[in-house]
Amino acid sequence: MTDEQITAMEQELQAAKADLETSRMEVESLNSQLSERDSKMGELQAAITEKGALIESQVSELSVLKQSSLDSEGRQAELSNSLVEATEKYRSALVSANPSVPASLITGESIAEIDASLQTAQGLVETVKETLAAAAAETLVPAGAPERTAPDLSSMTTKDKINYGLDQARKENK
């Protein structure tokens, strides 16, 4: 081999070594990037696992809250029905306790409304009683039968007058 060939081969060897060194540095850089990516991927997987557990617990909590809401709605409907029944019984008791007040005047959907309508109805009944009492006082009629008076002889026929006189005579003879 000639010196030129040896020099060319040495240059090729040097170039190959430089290429090898460059490739080695690229591999190290890629390995470093791969390690960083693996590290970040591990962090992301941990975060995903954590978020999944959080979602699962929130779904469970949501399910419990939905059931609680349904239970509350059922209880509210039950209490509403009980309130309606209680106010109706209260109204019936007031109607029974106040026979002078017409039942149709005692109305309302709550105890306060029923009480207010009872007060209004009682006021109306009192006003009617006072009006009737005043009207009765104005047209005072004496108790018992009216006094007996002799019949008006001027309006009687002669025959009626004779019969009346005979009736009076018989009463006196008795």
Protein backbone atom coordinates (compact mmCIF):
# COMPACT_ATOMS: atom_id res chain seq x y z
CA MET A 1 0.00 0.00 0.00
CA THR A 2 1.22 3.31 -0.77
CA ASP A 3 1.61 6.24 1.47
CA GLU A 4 -1.18 7.95 -0.26
CA GLN A 5 -3.45 5.03 0.30
CA ILE A 6 -2.45 4.82 3.93
CA THR A 7 -3.01 8.53 4.38
CA ALA A 8 -6.37 8.21 2.66
CA MET A 9 -7.26 5.27 4.86
CA GLU A 10 -6.17 7.17 7.98
CA GLN A 11 -8.27 10.09 6.91
CA GLU A 12 -11.17 7.75 6.32
CA LEU A 13 -10.52 6.20 9.73
CA GLN A 14 -10.41 9.65 11.34
CA ALA A 15 -13.63 10.58 9.53
CA ALA A 16 -15.24 7.29 10.61
CA LYS A 17 -14.11 7.92 14.21
CA ALA A 18 -15.55 11.43 14.04
CA ASP A 19 -18.77 10.02 12.58
CA LEU A 20 -18.78 7.35 15.30
CA GLU A 21 -18.25 10.00 17.99
CA THR A 22 -21.02 12.14 16.48
CA SER A 23 -23.30 9.13 16.32
CA ARG A 24 -22.41 8.22 19.92
CA MET A 25 -23.24 11.75 21.06
CA GLU A 26 -26.51 11.64 19.10
CA VAL A 27 -27.35 8.26 20.75
CA GLU A 28 -26.56 9.72 24.20
CA SER A 29 -28.71 12.76 23.40
CA LEU A 30 -31.52 10.52 22.18
CA ASN A 31 -31.15 8.28 25.25
CA SER A 32 -31.33 11.40 27.46
CA GLN A 33 -34.42 12.61 25.61
CA LEU A 34 -35.92 9.13 25.89
CA SER A 35 -35.25 9.09 29.65
CA GLU A 36 -36.87 12.52 30.01
CA ARG A 37 -39.83 11.37 27.94
CA ASP A 38 -40.15 8.17 30.02
CA SER A 39 -39.97 10.26 33.21
CA LYS A 40 -42.65 12.65 31.95
CA MET A 41 -44.74 9.72 30.75
CA GLY A 42 -44.52 8.18 34.23
CA GLU A 43 -45.59 11.50 35.77
CA LEU A 44 -48.47 11.77 33.31
CA GLN A 45 -49.56 8.20 33.98
CA ALA A 46 -49.50 8.90 37.72
CA ALA A 47 -51.56 12.06 37.14
CA ILE A 48 -54.00 10.09 34.96
CA THR A 49 -54.33 7.44 37.67
CA GLU A 50 -54.86 10.15 40.29
CA LYS A 51 -57.47 11.93 38.14
CA GLY A 52 -59.21 8.61 37.44
CA ALA A 53 -59.45 7.91 41.18
CA LEU A 54 -60.77 11.46 41.74
CA ILE A 55 -63.38 11.02 38.98
CA GLU A 56 -64.40 7.68 40.43
CA SER A 57 -64.85 9.16 43.91
CA GLN A 58 -66.80 12.12 42.50
CA VAL A 59 -69.05 9.79 40.50
CA SER A 60 -69.67 7.82 43.68
CA GLU A 61 -70.40 11.02 45.62
CA LEU A 62 -72.71 12.22 42.84
CA SER A 63 -74.60 8.93 42.99
CA VAL A 64 -75.03 9.32 46.76
CA LEU A 65 -76.20 12.92 46.30
CA LYS A 66 -78.69 11.92 43.61
CA GLN A 67 -80.13 9.24 45.89
CA SER A 68 -80.29 11.73 48.75
CA SER A 69 -82.07 14.19 46.47
CA LEU A 70 -84.62 11.56 45.45
CA ASP A 71 -85.18 10.65 49.10
CA SER A 72 -85.63 14.34 49.96
CA GLU A 73 -88.12 14.83 47.12
CA GLY A 74 -90.11 11.83 48.34
CA ARG A 75 -90.08 13.13 51.90
CA GLN A 76 -91.09 16.60 50.70
CA ALA A 77 -94.07 15.16 48.79
CA GLU A 78 -95.03 13.15 51.87
CA LEU A 79 -94.82 16.23 54.09
CA SER A 80 -96.77 18.29 51.57
CA ASN A 81 -99.58 15.71 51.56
CA SER A 82 -99.55 15.63 55.36
CA LEU A 83 -99.79 19.42 55.45
CA VAL A 84 -102.77 19.39 53.09
CA GLU A 85 -104.50 16.75 55.24
CA ALA A 86 -103.72 18.65 58.45
CA THR A 87 -105.04 21.95 57.12
CA GLU A 88 -108.21 20.23 55.87
CA LYS A 89 -108.74 18.64 59.31
CA TYR A 90 -108.10 22.01 60.93
CA ARG A 91 -110.68 23.61 58.63
CA SER A 92 -113.20 20.85 59.45
CA ALA A 93 -112.60 21.35 63.18
CA LEU A 94 -113.18 25.10 62.82
CA VAL A 95 -116.39 24.50 60.85
CA SER A 96 -117.61 22.17 63.61
CA ALA A 97 -116.57 24.59 66.35
CA ASN A 98 -118.32 27.54 64.67
CA PRO A 99 -121.77 26.32 63.60
CA SER A 100 -123.04 29.88 63.16
CA VAL A 101 -120.50 30.48 60.38
CA PRO A 102 -121.31 28.96 56.96
CA ALA A 103 -118.70 26.37 55.98
CA SER A 104 -118.37 27.88 52.52
CA LEU A 105 -116.95 31.06 54.06
CA ILE A 106 -114.07 29.24 55.80
CA THR A 107 -111.50 28.75 53.05
CA GLY A 108 -107.73 28.74 52.55
CA GLU A 109 -104.81 26.49 51.85
CA SER A 110 -102.78 27.29 54.94
CA ILE A 111 -103.64 27.64 58.60
CA ALA A 112 -103.08 31.40 58.44
CA GLU A 113 -105.42 31.75 55.43
CA ILE A 114 -108.07 29.61 57.15
CA ASP A 115 -107.80 31.69 60.33
CA ALA A 116 -108.10 34.91 58.33
CA SER A 117 -111.18 33.64 56.47
CA LEU A 118 -112.73 32.55 59.79
CA GLN A 119 -112.21 36.03 61.22
CA THR A 120 -113.78 37.59 58.12
CA ALA A 121 -116.70 35.15 58.21
CA GLN A 122 -117.30 35.77 61.92
CA GLY A 123 -117.33 39.50 61.25
CA LEU A 124 -119.86 38.98 58.46
CA VAL A 125 -122.07 36.80 60.69
CA GLU A 126 -121.97 39.43 63.44
CA THR A 127 -122.92 42.15 60.94
CA VAL A 128 -125.85 40.07 59.67
CA LYS A 129 -126.99 39.35 63.25
CA GLU A 130 -126.85 43.04 64.15
CA THR A 131 -128.74 43.98 60.98
CA LEU A 132 -131.43 41.39 61.68
CA ALA A 133 -131.70 42.46 65.33
CA ALA A 134 -132.08 46.10 64.28
CA ALA A 135 -134.73 45.16 61.72
CA ALA A 136 -136.56 43.07 64.30
CA ALA A 137 -136.49 45.92 66.80
CA GLU A 138 -137.99 48.27 64.22
CA THR A 139 -140.89 45.96 63.45
CA LEU A 140 -141.78 44.98 66.99
CA VAL A 141 -144.88 42.80 67.04
CA PRO A 142 -146.54 42.22 70.43
CA ALA A 143 -146.51 38.66 71.61
CA GLY A 144 -149.76 36.68 71.72
CA ALA A 145 -153.08 37.06 69.92
CA PRO A 146 -154.52 40.50 69.21
CA GLU A 147 -157.33 41.79 71.42
CA ARG A 148 -160.81 40.78 70.42
CA THR A 149 -162.94 43.60 69.27
CA ALA A 150 -166.54 43.64 68.29
CA PRO A 151 -167.15 43.24 64.60
CA ASP A 152 -167.93 46.26 62.52
CA LEU A 153 -171.72 46.20 62.33
CA SER A 154 -171.83 48.85 59.62
CA SER A 155 -170.40 46.48 57.07
CA MET A 156 -172.79 43.60 57.97
CA THR A 157 -175.99 42.77 56.17
CA THR A 158 -179.26 42.68 58.09
CA LYS A 159 -179.25 38.90 58.19
CA ASP A 160 -175.62 38.87 59.53
CA LYS A 161 -176.59 41.35 62.23
CA ILE A 162 -179.52 39.18 63.37
CA ASN A 163 -177.30 36.07 63.47
CA TYR A 164 -174.61 37.96 65.40
CA GLY A 165 -177.18 39.12 67.97
CA LEU A 166 -178.53 35.59 68.42
CA ASP A 167 -174.96 34.22 68.90
CA GLN A 168 -174.27 36.81 71.56
CA ALA A 169 -177.50 35.97 73.37
CA ARG A 170 -176.68 32.26 73.40
CA LYS A 171 -173.21 32.95 74.81
CA GLU A 172 -174.69 34.98 77.61
CA ASN A 173 -177.21 32.26 78.48
CA LYS A 174 -174.59 29.65 78.82
